[in-house]
Amino acid sequence: MNWLARATAGEGSMASLMDYYKARNILGRYGIRSARSGYVSSADAAVSFWNRKGKIVLKVLSGKALHKSRMGLVELDLGSEEEIGAAYKRLSKKASRLKPYKIIAQRMIPDGIEIIVGGNVDPQFGKMVLVGLGGIYVEAFKDFALALCPIDRQEALKMISELRSKNVIAPDKKSADVLAGLLVKVSKMFSNGNFSELDLNPVILHDGTYDAVDLRMLR
């Protein structure tokens, strides 16, 4: 299975998969936005995370969850105690066969364009950064661009220009600049970091900014 397939599936062993919070903290140190999240060990904890503000998502995190969405391990648009309680119960039942696992609550991000931003170590060239259409589209369309780390803003803009989906992902200068800034930060983080693989999939581009929704780092 190649890197893109693993990114899409979310494959990774628990021994090498970095804890979600540790990974999120690394993103924060480099100024990379990610959806506010928290581990929850009960329905009450999930309701407390929600705190009657907007809507949340519940997800199961497990090295045995090859694709959370396809396996029914993601519950979206939860905006009441009843919805959250029922969703937590459903996920806990499904996750019982995936031990060890954790359930994470996350603020719902507005609808937008899903992209993947990633990093991998090429045996010949070294650390590479990737950008392309994300979510379910990364494998279907294989529309992505690669560059050797670290990159600067001009190199990031060049990567974006190479995408067939460039007019969807970055339809104007402002959105292209936002995405280029993200790529530069990810490139720097991956260059400096002590990990071998990185997948932010999806990152949701919305309202002139972005949020990483799912993230995965391998040591």
N, C-alpha and C. Protein backbone atom coordinates (compact mmCIF):
# COMPACT_ATOMS: atom_id res chain seq x y z
N MET A 1 0.84 -1.19 0.00
CA MET A 1 0.00 0.00 0.00
C MET A 1 0.88 1.25 0.00
N ASN A 2 0.64 2.17 -0.92
CA ASN A 2 1.49 3.36 -0.98
C ASN A 2 1.09 4.40 0.05
N TRP A 3 1.89 5.48 0.11
CA TRP A 3 1.67 6.51 1.12
C TRP A 3 0.28 7.11 1.03
N LEU A 4 -0.18 7.46 -0.19
CA LEU A 4 -1.49 8.06 -0.34
C LEU A 4 -2.60 7.12 0.10
N ALA A 5 -2.45 5.85 -0.21
CA ALA A 5 -3.45 4.88 0.22
C ALA A 5 -3.49 4.77 1.74
N ARG A 6 -2.32 4.78 2.37
CA ARG A 6 -2.27 4.73 3.83
C ARG A 6 -2.89 5.97 4.43
N ALA A 7 -2.63 7.12 3.82
CA ALA A 7 -3.20 8.37 4.32
C ALA A 7 -4.71 8.35 4.25
N THR A 8 -5.23 7.83 3.13
CA THR A 8 -6.66 7.76 2.96
C THR A 8 -7.28 6.78 3.93
N ALA A 9 -6.59 5.67 4.15
CA ALA A 9 -7.14 4.64 5.04
C ALA A 9 -6.92 4.96 6.51
N GLY A 10 -5.91 5.78 6.81
CA GLY A 10 -5.58 6.05 8.19
C GLY A 10 -4.83 4.91 8.84
N GLU A 11 -4.12 4.14 8.06
CA GLU A 11 -3.45 2.95 8.56
C GLU A 11 -2.22 3.33 9.37
N GLY A 12 -1.93 2.58 10.41
CA GLY A 12 -0.74 2.82 11.21
C GLY A 12 -0.76 1.99 12.46
N SER A 13 0.35 1.49 12.91
CA SER A 13 0.40 0.68 14.12
C SER A 13 0.38 1.57 15.33
N MET A 14 -0.20 1.07 16.44
CA MET A 14 -0.26 1.86 17.66
C MET A 14 1.13 2.13 18.20
N ALA A 15 2.09 1.24 17.91
CA ALA A 15 3.44 1.42 18.41
C ALA A 15 4.12 2.65 17.80
N SER A 16 3.77 2.97 16.56
CA SER A 16 4.45 4.05 15.87
C SER A 16 3.57 5.28 15.67
N LEU A 17 2.28 5.14 15.98
CA LEU A 17 1.36 6.25 15.76
C LEU A 17 1.41 7.20 16.94
N MET A 18 1.72 8.45 16.67
CA MET A 18 1.84 9.45 17.73
C MET A 18 0.46 9.77 18.31
N ASP A 19 0.40 9.97 19.61
CA ASP A 19 -0.83 10.37 20.27
C ASP A 19 -1.40 11.63 19.62
N TYR A 20 -2.72 11.64 19.44
CA TYR A 20 -3.38 12.75 18.73
C TYR A 20 -3.04 14.09 19.37
N TYR A 21 -3.09 14.15 20.69
CA TYR A 21 -2.83 15.42 21.37
C TYR A 21 -1.39 15.88 21.20
N LYS A 22 -0.46 14.95 21.27
CA LYS A 22 0.94 15.32 21.05
C LYS A 22 1.12 15.86 19.63
N ALA A 23 0.49 15.19 18.67
CA ALA A 23 0.58 15.65 17.29
C ALA A 23 -0.05 17.03 17.14
N ARG A 24 -1.20 17.24 17.77
CA ARG A 24 -1.88 18.54 17.67
C ARG A 24 -1.05 19.64 18.32
N ASN A 25 -0.39 19.33 19.41
CA ASN A 25 0.48 20.32 20.06
C ASN A 25 1.65 20.72 19.17
N ILE A 26 2.19 19.76 18.43
CA ILE A 26 3.28 20.07 17.49
C ILE A 26 2.77 21.03 16.41
N LEU A 27 1.58 20.76 15.88
CA LEU A 27 1.00 21.66 14.90
C LEU A 27 0.88 23.07 15.47
N GLY A 28 0.41 23.15 16.70
CA GLY A 28 0.23 24.46 17.33
C GLY A 28 1.52 25.24 17.46
N ARG A 29 2.62 24.53 17.74
CA ARG A 29 3.91 25.23 17.88
C ARG A 29 4.35 25.86 16.57
N TYR A 30 3.86 25.35 15.46
CA TYR A 30 4.22 25.91 14.15
C TYR A 30 3.11 26.81 13.59
N GLY A 31 2.13 27.13 14.42
CA GLY A 31 1.07 28.02 13.99
C GLY A 31 0.12 27.43 13.00
N ILE A 32 -0.03 26.10 13.01
CA ILE A 32 -0.92 25.40 12.09
C ILE A 32 -2.26 25.17 12.79
N ARG A 33 -3.32 25.65 12.19
CA ARG A 33 -4.65 25.56 12.79
C ARG A 33 -5.19 24.14 12.75
N SER A 34 -5.85 23.75 13.84
CA SER A 34 -6.56 22.47 13.85
C SER A 34 -7.82 22.63 14.68
N ALA A 35 -8.81 21.80 14.39
CA ALA A 35 -10.09 21.88 15.08
C ALA A 35 -9.91 21.60 16.57
N ARG A 36 -10.58 22.40 17.41
CA ARG A 36 -10.49 22.19 18.86
C ARG A 36 -11.05 20.82 19.20
N SER A 37 -10.30 20.06 20.00
CA SER A 37 -10.63 18.67 20.24
C SER A 37 -10.38 18.31 21.70
N GLY A 38 -10.94 17.19 22.12
CA GLY A 38 -10.66 16.68 23.45
C GLY A 38 -11.06 15.22 23.57
N TYR A 39 -10.25 14.42 24.27
CA TYR A 39 -10.63 13.05 24.53
C TYR A 39 -11.83 13.03 25.49
N VAL A 40 -12.76 12.12 25.25
CA VAL A 40 -13.91 11.97 26.14
C VAL A 40 -14.07 10.50 26.48
N SER A 41 -14.30 10.22 27.75
CA SER A 41 -14.41 8.83 28.20
C SER A 41 -15.83 8.47 28.63
N SER A 42 -16.77 9.38 28.39
CA SER A 42 -18.17 9.11 28.72
C SER A 42 -19.05 10.05 27.91
N ALA A 43 -20.34 9.70 27.85
CA ALA A 43 -21.29 10.59 27.17
C ALA A 43 -21.37 11.93 27.89
N ASP A 44 -21.31 11.91 29.22
CA ASP A 44 -21.37 13.17 29.99
C ASP A 44 -20.19 14.06 29.66
N ALA A 45 -19.01 13.45 29.50
CA ALA A 45 -17.83 14.24 29.14
C ALA A 45 -17.98 14.86 27.76
N ALA A 46 -18.58 14.11 26.84
CA ALA A 46 -18.82 14.64 25.50
C ALA A 46 -19.81 15.80 25.54
N VAL A 47 -20.84 15.68 26.37
CA VAL A 47 -21.81 16.76 26.51
C VAL A 47 -21.13 17.99 27.13
N SER A 48 -20.27 17.79 28.09
CA SER A 48 -19.54 18.91 28.70
C SER A 48 -18.65 19.60 27.67
N PHE A 49 -18.02 18.82 26.79
CA PHE A 49 -17.20 19.41 25.74
C PHE A 49 -18.08 20.27 24.83
N TRP A 50 -19.24 19.76 24.47
CA TRP A 50 -20.18 20.51 23.62
C TRP A 50 -20.59 21.81 24.29
N ASN A 51 -21.02 21.73 25.57
CA ASN A 51 -21.35 22.90 26.39
C ASN A 51 -22.41 23.79 25.73
N ARG A 52 -23.33 23.17 25.00
CA ARG A 52 -24.46 23.88 24.38
C ARG A 52 -24.01 24.96 23.39
N LYS A 53 -22.86 24.76 22.78
CA LYS A 53 -22.35 25.74 21.82
C LYS A 53 -22.15 25.06 20.47
N GLY A 54 -22.95 25.45 19.49
CA GLY A 54 -22.78 24.93 18.14
C GLY A 54 -22.98 23.43 18.07
N LYS A 55 -22.19 22.77 17.22
CA LYS A 55 -22.29 21.33 17.04
C LYS A 55 -20.91 20.71 17.14
N ILE A 56 -20.89 19.42 17.47
CA ILE A 56 -19.62 18.71 17.61
C ILE A 56 -19.63 17.43 16.78
N VAL A 57 -18.45 16.84 16.69
CA VAL A 57 -18.24 15.55 16.04
C VAL A 57 -17.64 14.61 17.08
N LEU A 58 -18.01 13.35 17.03
CA LEU A 58 -17.35 12.31 17.83
C LEU A 58 -16.70 11.32 16.89
N LYS A 59 -15.46 10.92 17.23
CA LYS A 59 -14.71 9.99 16.39
C LYS A 59 -14.02 8.95 17.25
N VAL A 60 -13.84 7.78 16.69
CA VAL A 60 -13.03 6.74 17.32
C VAL A 60 -11.63 6.79 16.74
N LEU A 61 -10.63 6.82 17.60
CA LEU A 61 -9.24 6.76 17.18
C LEU A 61 -8.67 5.40 17.58
N SER A 62 -8.18 4.66 16.59
CA SER A 62 -7.59 3.36 16.84
C SER A 62 -6.68 2.98 15.69
N GLY A 63 -5.59 2.33 16.01
CA GLY A 63 -4.70 1.84 14.97
C GLY A 63 -5.35 0.77 14.11
N LYS A 64 -6.46 0.22 14.58
CA LYS A 64 -7.18 -0.80 13.82
C LYS A 64 -8.29 -0.22 12.96
N ALA A 65 -8.50 1.10 13.06
CA ALA A 65 -9.53 1.76 12.27
C ALA A 65 -8.92 2.22 10.96
N LEU A 66 -9.04 1.41 9.93
CA LEU A 66 -8.39 1.70 8.66
C LEU A 66 -9.01 2.90 7.96
N HIS A 67 -10.30 3.10 8.13
CA HIS A 67 -10.93 4.28 7.58
C HIS A 67 -12.14 4.60 8.45
N LYS A 68 -12.03 5.64 9.26
CA LYS A 68 -13.06 5.92 10.26
C LYS A 68 -14.44 6.11 9.64
N SER A 69 -14.51 6.89 8.57
CA SER A 69 -15.82 7.18 7.97
C SER A 69 -16.46 5.92 7.41
N ARG A 70 -15.69 5.15 6.65
CA ARG A 70 -16.23 3.95 6.04
C ARG A 70 -16.63 2.89 7.06
N MET A 71 -15.96 2.91 8.22
CA MET A 71 -16.26 1.94 9.26
C MET A 71 -17.34 2.42 10.21
N GLY A 72 -17.92 3.59 9.93
CA GLY A 72 -18.98 4.11 10.78
C GLY A 72 -18.50 4.59 12.13
N LEU A 73 -17.26 5.08 12.18
CA LEU A 73 -16.65 5.49 13.44
C LEU A 73 -16.61 7.00 13.62
N VAL A 74 -17.43 7.71 12.85
CA VAL A 74 -17.53 9.16 12.95
C VAL A 74 -19.00 9.53 13.05
N GLU A 75 -19.34 10.37 14.02
CA GLU A 75 -20.71 10.87 14.19
C GLU A 75 -20.67 12.39 14.05
N LEU A 76 -21.42 12.92 13.08
CA LEU A 76 -21.36 14.35 12.73
C LEU A 76 -22.60 15.10 13.20
N ASP A 77 -22.47 16.43 13.24
CA ASP A 77 -23.62 17.34 13.46
C ASP A 77 -24.38 17.03 14.75
N LEU A 78 -23.65 16.85 15.82
CA LEU A 78 -24.30 16.55 17.10
C LEU A 78 -24.51 17.85 17.86
N GLY A 79 -25.78 18.15 18.17
CA GLY A 79 -26.08 19.44 18.78
C GLY A 79 -27.08 19.39 19.91
N SER A 80 -27.20 18.24 20.58
CA SER A 80 -28.07 18.14 21.75
C SER A 80 -27.55 17.04 22.65
N GLU A 81 -27.98 17.05 23.92
CA GLU A 81 -27.56 16.01 24.85
C GLU A 81 -27.99 14.64 24.37
N GLU A 82 -29.21 14.57 23.82
CA GLU A 82 -29.73 13.29 23.35
C GLU A 82 -28.91 12.75 22.19
N GLU A 83 -28.61 13.62 21.21
CA GLU A 83 -27.83 13.20 20.05
C GLU A 83 -26.43 12.75 20.46
N ILE A 84 -25.82 13.51 21.34
CA ILE A 84 -24.45 13.20 21.77
C ILE A 84 -24.42 11.89 22.56
N GLY A 85 -25.38 11.72 23.46
CA GLY A 85 -25.42 10.50 24.26
C GLY A 85 -25.62 9.27 23.40
N ALA A 86 -26.54 9.35 22.44
CA ALA A 86 -26.82 8.21 21.56
C ALA A 86 -25.62 7.91 20.66
N ALA A 87 -24.97 8.98 20.16
CA ALA A 87 -23.80 8.79 19.29
C ALA A 87 -22.65 8.16 20.06
N TYR A 88 -22.43 8.62 21.28
CA TYR A 88 -21.35 8.04 22.09
C TYR A 88 -21.60 6.55 22.34
N LYS A 89 -22.83 6.20 22.62
CA LYS A 89 -23.17 4.80 22.86
C LYS A 89 -22.92 3.96 21.62
N ARG A 90 -23.33 4.46 20.45
CA ARG A 90 -23.11 3.72 19.21
C ARG A 90 -21.62 3.52 18.94
N LEU A 91 -20.84 4.58 19.11
CA LEU A 91 -19.40 4.49 18.84
C LEU A 91 -18.71 3.54 19.81
N SER A 92 -19.09 3.61 21.07
CA SER A 92 -18.47 2.73 22.07
C SER A 92 -18.72 1.27 21.73
N LYS A 93 -19.92 0.97 21.27
CA LYS A 93 -20.26 -0.41 20.89
C LYS A 93 -19.42 -0.86 19.70
N LYS A 94 -19.32 0.00 18.68
CA LYS A 94 -18.54 -0.35 17.49
C LYS A 94 -17.06 -0.47 17.81
N ALA A 95 -16.57 0.39 18.72
CA ALA A 95 -15.13 0.43 19.01
C ALA A 95 -14.68 -0.70 19.93
N SER A 96 -15.62 -1.42 20.53
CA SER A 96 -15.25 -2.47 21.48
C SER A 96 -14.39 -3.55 20.84
N ARG A 97 -14.49 -3.69 19.50
CA ARG A 97 -13.68 -4.69 18.80
C ARG A 97 -12.35 -4.11 18.30
N LEU A 98 -12.09 -2.84 18.62
CA LEU A 98 -10.91 -2.16 18.09
C LEU A 98 -9.92 -1.77 19.19
N LYS A 99 -10.00 -2.41 20.34
CA LYS A 99 -9.14 -2.03 21.46
C LYS A 99 -7.67 -2.21 21.10
N PRO A 100 -6.80 -1.30 21.56
CA PRO A 100 -7.10 -0.09 22.31
C PRO A 100 -7.66 1.01 21.42
N TYR A 101 -8.53 1.82 21.98
CA TYR A 101 -9.11 2.93 21.23
C TYR A 101 -9.39 4.09 22.16
N LYS A 102 -9.60 5.24 21.56
CA LYS A 102 -10.04 6.43 22.30
C LYS A 102 -11.15 7.09 21.49
N ILE A 103 -12.01 7.81 22.17
CA ILE A 103 -13.04 8.60 21.49
C ILE A 103 -12.70 10.07 21.69
N ILE A 104 -12.75 10.81 20.61
CA ILE A 104 -12.40 12.22 20.65
C ILE A 104 -13.61 13.05 20.22
N ALA A 105 -13.83 14.15 20.93
CA ALA A 105 -14.85 15.12 20.55
C ALA A 105 -14.17 16.28 19.86
N GLN A 106 -14.85 16.84 18.87
CA GLN A 106 -14.24 17.89 18.06
C GLN A 106 -15.31 18.88 17.62
N ARG A 107 -14.96 20.15 17.65
CA ARG A 107 -15.88 21.16 17.16
C ARG A 107 -16.12 20.97 15.66
N MET A 108 -17.39 21.11 15.25
CA MET A 108 -17.71 21.04 13.83
C MET A 108 -17.10 22.23 13.10
N ILE A 109 -16.46 21.96 11.98
CA ILE A 109 -15.87 22.99 11.14
C ILE A 109 -16.86 23.31 10.01
N PRO A 110 -16.99 24.58 9.63
CA PRO A 110 -17.91 24.91 8.53
C PRO A 110 -17.56 24.14 7.25
N ASP A 111 -18.57 23.96 6.41
CA ASP A 111 -18.34 23.29 5.13
C ASP A 111 -17.29 24.04 4.32
N GLY A 112 -16.51 23.30 3.57
CA GLY A 112 -15.47 23.92 2.74
C GLY A 112 -14.87 22.90 1.80
N ILE A 113 -13.69 23.20 1.30
CA ILE A 113 -12.97 22.31 0.39
C ILE A 113 -12.02 21.44 1.20
N GLU A 114 -12.07 20.13 0.98
CA GLU A 114 -11.20 19.20 1.70
C GLU A 114 -9.92 18.96 0.91
N ILE A 115 -8.79 19.15 1.57
CA ILE A 115 -7.50 18.86 0.95
C ILE A 115 -6.69 17.96 1.87
N ILE A 116 -5.63 17.38 1.31
CA ILE A 116 -4.64 16.65 2.10
C ILE A 116 -3.33 17.41 2.02
N VAL A 117 -2.67 17.53 3.18
CA VAL A 117 -1.30 18.03 3.24
C VAL A 117 -0.51 16.99 4.00
N GLY A 118 0.59 16.54 3.43
CA GLY A 118 1.32 15.46 4.07
C GLY A 118 2.81 15.56 3.92
N GLY A 119 3.49 14.65 4.58
CA GLY A 119 4.94 14.56 4.48
C GLY A 119 5.38 13.12 4.52
N ASN A 120 6.41 12.80 3.75
CA ASN A 120 6.92 11.43 3.71
C ASN A 120 8.42 11.48 3.43
N VAL A 121 9.11 10.42 3.81
CA VAL A 121 10.55 10.36 3.56
C VAL A 121 10.81 9.48 2.35
N ASP A 122 11.28 10.09 1.28
CA ASP A 122 11.65 9.34 0.08
C ASP A 122 13.05 8.75 0.30
N PRO A 123 13.25 7.45 0.02
CA PRO A 123 14.55 6.83 0.28
C PRO A 123 15.70 7.46 -0.50
N GLN A 124 15.38 8.09 -1.63
CA GLN A 124 16.43 8.69 -2.45
C GLN A 124 16.60 10.19 -2.18
N PHE A 125 15.47 10.91 -2.06
CA PHE A 125 15.55 12.36 -1.99
C PHE A 125 15.41 12.93 -0.59
N GLY A 126 14.84 12.17 0.33
CA GLY A 126 14.65 12.68 1.68
C GLY A 126 13.22 13.13 1.92
N LYS A 127 13.05 14.09 2.82
CA LYS A 127 11.72 14.49 3.24
C LYS A 127 11.01 15.29 2.15
N MET A 128 9.76 14.87 1.88
CA MET A 128 8.94 15.50 0.86
C MET A 128 7.64 15.99 1.48
N VAL A 129 7.07 17.08 0.91
CA VAL A 129 5.77 17.58 1.33
C VAL A 129 4.81 17.40 0.17
N LEU A 130 3.54 17.14 0.48
CA LEU A 130 2.53 16.86 -0.52
C LEU A 130 1.30 17.72 -0.27
N VAL A 131 0.62 18.12 -1.35
CA VAL A 131 -0.69 18.77 -1.25
C VAL A 131 -1.56 18.25 -2.38
N GLY A 132 -2.86 18.12 -2.11
CA GLY A 132 -3.79 17.68 -3.14
C GLY A 132 -5.20 17.68 -2.61
N LEU A 133 -6.13 17.30 -3.47
CA LEU A 133 -7.50 17.12 -3.01
C LEU A 133 -7.53 16.07 -1.92
N GLY A 134 -8.32 16.31 -0.89
CA GLY A 134 -8.29 15.42 0.27
C GLY A 134 -9.54 14.59 0.42
N GLY A 135 -9.71 14.05 1.64
CA GLY A 135 -10.85 13.20 1.93
C GLY A 135 -10.85 11.97 1.05
N ILE A 136 -12.00 11.66 0.49
CA ILE A 136 -12.13 10.46 -0.34
C ILE A 136 -11.55 10.65 -1.74
N TYR A 137 -11.18 11.89 -2.08
CA TYR A 137 -10.76 12.19 -3.45
C TYR A 137 -9.29 11.94 -3.73
N VAL A 138 -8.47 11.85 -2.69
CA VAL A 138 -7.03 11.79 -2.89
C VAL A 138 -6.63 10.57 -3.73
N GLU A 139 -7.24 9.42 -3.44
CA GLU A 139 -6.93 8.22 -4.21
C GLU A 139 -7.71 8.16 -5.52
N ALA A 140 -8.94 8.68 -5.49
CA ALA A 140 -9.78 8.59 -6.68
C ALA A 140 -9.22 9.41 -7.84
N PHE A 141 -8.78 10.64 -7.55
CA PHE A 141 -8.34 11.54 -8.62
C PHE A 141 -6.82 11.62 -8.76
N LYS A 142 -6.10 11.21 -7.70
CA LYS A 142 -4.64 11.27 -7.71
C LYS A 142 -4.14 12.64 -8.20
N ASP A 143 -4.76 13.67 -7.69
CA ASP A 143 -4.41 15.05 -8.04
C ASP A 143 -3.61 15.64 -6.89
N PHE A 144 -2.29 15.53 -6.98
CA PHE A 144 -1.43 16.01 -5.90
C PHE A 144 -0.11 16.51 -6.48
N ALA A 145 0.58 17.29 -5.67
CA ALA A 145 1.90 17.80 -6.04
C ALA A 145 2.86 17.54 -4.90
N LEU A 146 4.11 17.25 -5.23
CA LEU A 146 5.16 16.94 -4.26
C LEU A 146 6.32 17.91 -4.41
N ALA A 147 7.01 18.18 -3.30
CA ALA A 147 8.22 19.01 -3.35
C ALA A 147 9.15 18.58 -2.22
N LEU A 148 10.43 18.79 -2.43
CA LEU A 148 11.44 18.46 -1.43
C LEU A 148 11.43 19.51 -0.33
N CYS A 149 11.43 19.06 0.92
CA CYS A 149 11.44 19.98 2.07
C CYS A 149 12.85 20.52 2.31
N PRO A 150 12.93 21.74 2.88
CA PRO A 150 11.83 22.66 3.14
C PRO A 150 11.52 23.50 1.90
N ILE A 151 10.31 24.05 1.86
CA ILE A 151 9.93 24.89 0.73
C ILE A 151 9.68 26.32 1.21
N ASP A 152 9.76 27.27 0.27
CA ASP A 152 9.40 28.65 0.59
C ASP A 152 8.05 28.96 -0.07
N ARG A 153 7.62 30.21 0.07
CA ARG A 153 6.30 30.58 -0.43
C ARG A 153 6.18 30.39 -1.94
N GLN A 154 7.22 30.76 -2.69
CA GLN A 154 7.15 30.61 -4.14
C GLN A 154 7.04 29.15 -4.56
N GLU A 155 7.78 28.30 -3.87
CA GLU A 155 7.69 26.87 -4.18
C GLU A 155 6.31 26.32 -3.82
N ALA A 156 5.74 26.83 -2.72
CA ALA A 156 4.40 26.40 -2.33
C ALA A 156 3.37 26.81 -3.38
N LEU A 157 3.48 28.04 -3.87
CA LEU A 157 2.55 28.51 -4.90
C LEU A 157 2.71 27.70 -6.18
N LYS A 158 3.94 27.30 -6.49
CA LYS A 158 4.18 26.48 -7.67
C LYS A 158 3.49 25.12 -7.52
N MET A 159 3.57 24.53 -6.32
CA MET A 159 2.90 23.26 -6.07
C MET A 159 1.39 23.39 -6.32
N ILE A 160 0.81 24.47 -5.81
CA ILE A 160 -0.63 24.68 -5.99
C ILE A 160 -0.97 24.81 -7.46
N SER A 161 -0.12 25.52 -8.21
CA SER A 161 -0.38 25.75 -9.64
C SER A 161 -0.33 24.47 -10.45
N GLU A 162 0.35 23.43 -9.93
CA GLU A 162 0.47 22.16 -10.65
C GLU A 162 -0.76 21.27 -10.50
N LEU A 163 -1.67 21.62 -9.59
CA LEU A 163 -2.84 20.80 -9.34
C LEU A 163 -3.92 21.03 -10.40
N ARG A 164 -4.51 19.96 -10.87
CA ARG A 164 -5.65 20.11 -11.78
C ARG A 164 -6.82 20.81 -11.09
N SER A 165 -6.88 20.64 -9.78
CA SER A 165 -7.97 21.22 -8.98
C SER A 165 -7.63 22.61 -8.44
N LYS A 166 -6.59 23.25 -8.96
CA LYS A 166 -6.13 24.52 -8.39
C LYS A 166 -7.23 25.58 -8.34
N ASN A 167 -8.11 25.60 -9.33
CA ASN A 167 -9.17 26.62 -9.35
C ASN A 167 -10.27 26.33 -8.35
N VAL A 168 -10.32 25.11 -7.87
CA VAL A 168 -11.27 24.74 -6.82
C VAL A 168 -10.65 25.00 -5.44
N ILE A 169 -9.40 24.55 -5.28
CA ILE A 169 -8.71 24.68 -4.00
C ILE A 169 -8.32 26.12 -3.71
N ALA A 170 -7.83 26.82 -4.71
CA ALA A 170 -7.33 28.18 -4.54
C ALA A 170 -7.83 29.06 -5.68
N PRO A 171 -9.11 29.45 -5.63
CA PRO A 171 -9.70 30.18 -6.76
C PRO A 171 -9.26 31.64 -6.88
N ASP A 172 -8.61 32.18 -5.85
CA ASP A 172 -8.16 33.57 -5.90
C ASP A 172 -6.84 33.71 -5.15
N LYS A 173 -6.25 34.90 -5.23
CA LYS A 173 -4.93 35.12 -4.64
C LYS A 173 -4.95 34.93 -3.12
N LYS A 174 -6.01 35.41 -2.46
CA LYS A 174 -6.07 35.29 -1.01
C LYS A 174 -6.06 33.82 -0.58
N SER A 175 -6.88 33.00 -1.21
CA SER A 175 -6.92 31.59 -0.82
C SER A 175 -5.63 30.88 -1.17
N ALA A 176 -4.99 31.27 -2.28
CA ALA A 176 -3.70 30.68 -2.65
C ALA A 176 -2.64 31.04 -1.62
N ASP A 177 -2.66 32.29 -1.14
CA ASP A 177 -1.69 32.72 -0.13
C ASP A 177 -1.89 31.98 1.19
N VAL A 178 -3.16 31.78 1.57
CA VAL A 178 -3.45 31.05 2.81
C VAL A 178 -2.92 29.62 2.71
N LEU A 179 -3.20 28.96 1.59
CA LEU A 179 -2.75 27.58 1.42
C LEU A 179 -1.23 27.52 1.32
N ALA A 180 -0.61 28.47 0.62
CA ALA A 180 0.85 28.48 0.52
C ALA A 180 1.48 28.64 1.90
N GLY A 181 0.89 29.51 2.73
CA GLY A 181 1.40 29.68 4.09
C GLY A 181 1.33 28.40 4.89
N LEU A 182 0.24 27.66 4.74
CA LEU A 182 0.11 26.37 5.42
C LEU A 182 1.18 25.40 4.96
N LEU A 183 1.40 25.33 3.65
CA LEU A 183 2.39 24.39 3.12
C LEU A 183 3.79 24.71 3.62
N VAL A 184 4.13 25.99 3.70
CA VAL A 184 5.45 26.38 4.20
C VAL A 184 5.61 25.94 5.66
N LYS A 185 4.56 26.15 6.47
CA LYS A 185 4.62 25.75 7.89
C LYS A 185 4.76 24.24 8.05
N VAL A 186 3.97 23.50 7.27
CA VAL A 186 4.04 22.04 7.35
C VAL A 186 5.41 21.55 6.90
N SER A 187 5.93 22.15 5.85
CA SER A 187 7.26 21.78 5.35
C SER A 187 8.32 21.99 6.43
N LYS A 188 8.25 23.12 7.11
CA LYS A 188 9.22 23.42 8.17
C LYS A 188 9.06 22.44 9.33
N MET A 189 7.82 22.19 9.71
CA MET A 189 7.56 21.28 10.82
C MET A 189 8.07 19.88 10.51
N PHE A 190 7.81 19.41 9.30
CA PHE A 190 8.24 18.06 8.93
C PHE A 190 9.76 17.98 8.82
N SER A 191 10.37 19.03 8.32
CA SER A 191 11.84 19.05 8.22
C SER A 191 12.49 18.97 9.58
N ASN A 192 11.91 19.69 10.55
CA ASN A 192 12.50 19.76 11.89
C ASN A 192 12.09 18.59 12.78
N GLY A 193 10.98 17.93 12.44
CA GLY A 193 10.39 16.95 13.35
C GLY A 193 11.06 15.60 13.32
N ASN A 194 10.91 14.89 14.45
CA ASN A 194 11.46 13.55 14.58
C ASN A 194 10.35 12.52 14.30
N PHE A 195 9.78 12.60 13.09
CA PHE A 195 8.78 11.62 12.69
C PHE A 195 8.94 11.37 11.19
N SER A 196 8.46 10.21 10.76
CA SER A 196 8.75 9.74 9.41
C SER A 196 7.61 9.97 8.42
N GLU A 197 6.42 10.24 8.93
CA GLU A 197 5.28 10.39 8.04
C GLU A 197 4.25 11.30 8.70
N LEU A 198 3.60 12.09 7.89
CA LEU A 198 2.63 13.06 8.36
C LEU A 198 1.46 13.11 7.39
N ASP A 199 0.24 13.06 7.93
CA ASP A 199 -0.95 13.20 7.09
C ASP A 199 -1.94 14.12 7.80
N LEU A 200 -2.27 15.21 7.17
CA LEU A 200 -3.37 16.07 7.60
C LEU A 200 -4.45 15.87 6.54
N ASN A 201 -5.43 15.02 6.83
CA ASN A 201 -6.42 14.66 5.82
C ASN A 201 -7.74 14.28 6.50
N PRO A 202 -8.76 15.17 6.38
CA PRO A 202 -8.68 16.37 5.56
C PRO A 202 -8.28 17.60 6.35
N VAL A 203 -7.75 18.57 5.61
CA VAL A 203 -7.73 19.96 6.04
C VAL A 203 -8.89 20.63 5.32
N ILE A 204 -9.74 21.33 6.05
CA ILE A 204 -10.90 21.98 5.43
C ILE A 204 -10.60 23.45 5.22
N LEU A 205 -10.63 23.88 3.96
CA LEU A 205 -10.46 25.28 3.61
C LEU A 205 -11.83 25.94 3.67
N HIS A 206 -11.95 27.00 4.49
CA HIS A 206 -13.26 27.63 4.67
C HIS A 206 -13.09 29.07 5.13
N ASP A 207 -13.97 29.93 4.67
CA ASP A 207 -14.08 31.30 5.18
C ASP A 207 -12.74 32.03 5.21
N GLY A 208 -11.90 31.82 4.19
CA GLY A 208 -10.63 32.51 4.12
C GLY A 208 -9.56 31.97 5.04
N THR A 209 -9.80 30.80 5.64
CA THR A 209 -8.80 30.18 6.51
C THR A 209 -8.89 28.66 6.33
N TYR A 210 -8.43 27.90 7.31
CA TYR A 210 -8.44 26.44 7.22
C TYR A 210 -8.41 25.86 8.62
N ASP A 211 -8.76 24.60 8.74
CA ASP A 211 -8.59 23.83 9.97
C ASP A 211 -8.25 22.40 9.61
N ALA A 212 -7.20 21.87 10.22
CA ALA A 212 -6.89 20.44 10.09
C ALA A 212 -7.89 19.67 10.95
N VAL A 213 -8.58 18.72 10.35
CA VAL A 213 -9.63 17.99 11.06
C VAL A 213 -9.12 16.63 11.52
N ASP A 214 -8.45 15.91 10.65
CA ASP A 214 -7.82 14.64 11.04
C ASP A 214 -6.32 14.78 10.85
N LEU A 215 -5.56 14.27 11.81
CA LEU A 215 -4.10 14.36 11.69
C LEU A 215 -3.48 13.08 12.20
N ARG A 216 -2.37 12.74 11.57
CA ARG A 216 -1.70 11.47 11.86
C ARG A 216 -0.21 11.64 11.66
N MET A 217 0.57 11.32 12.68
CA MET A 217 2.02 11.36 12.57
C MET A 217 2.59 10.01 12.98
N LEU A 218 3.55 9.54 12.20
CA LEU A 218 4.24 8.29 12.53
C LEU A 218 5.67 8.60 12.91
N ARG A 219 6.13 7.98 13.99
CA ARG A 219 7.51 8.18 14.44
C ARG A 219 8.45 7.42 13.51
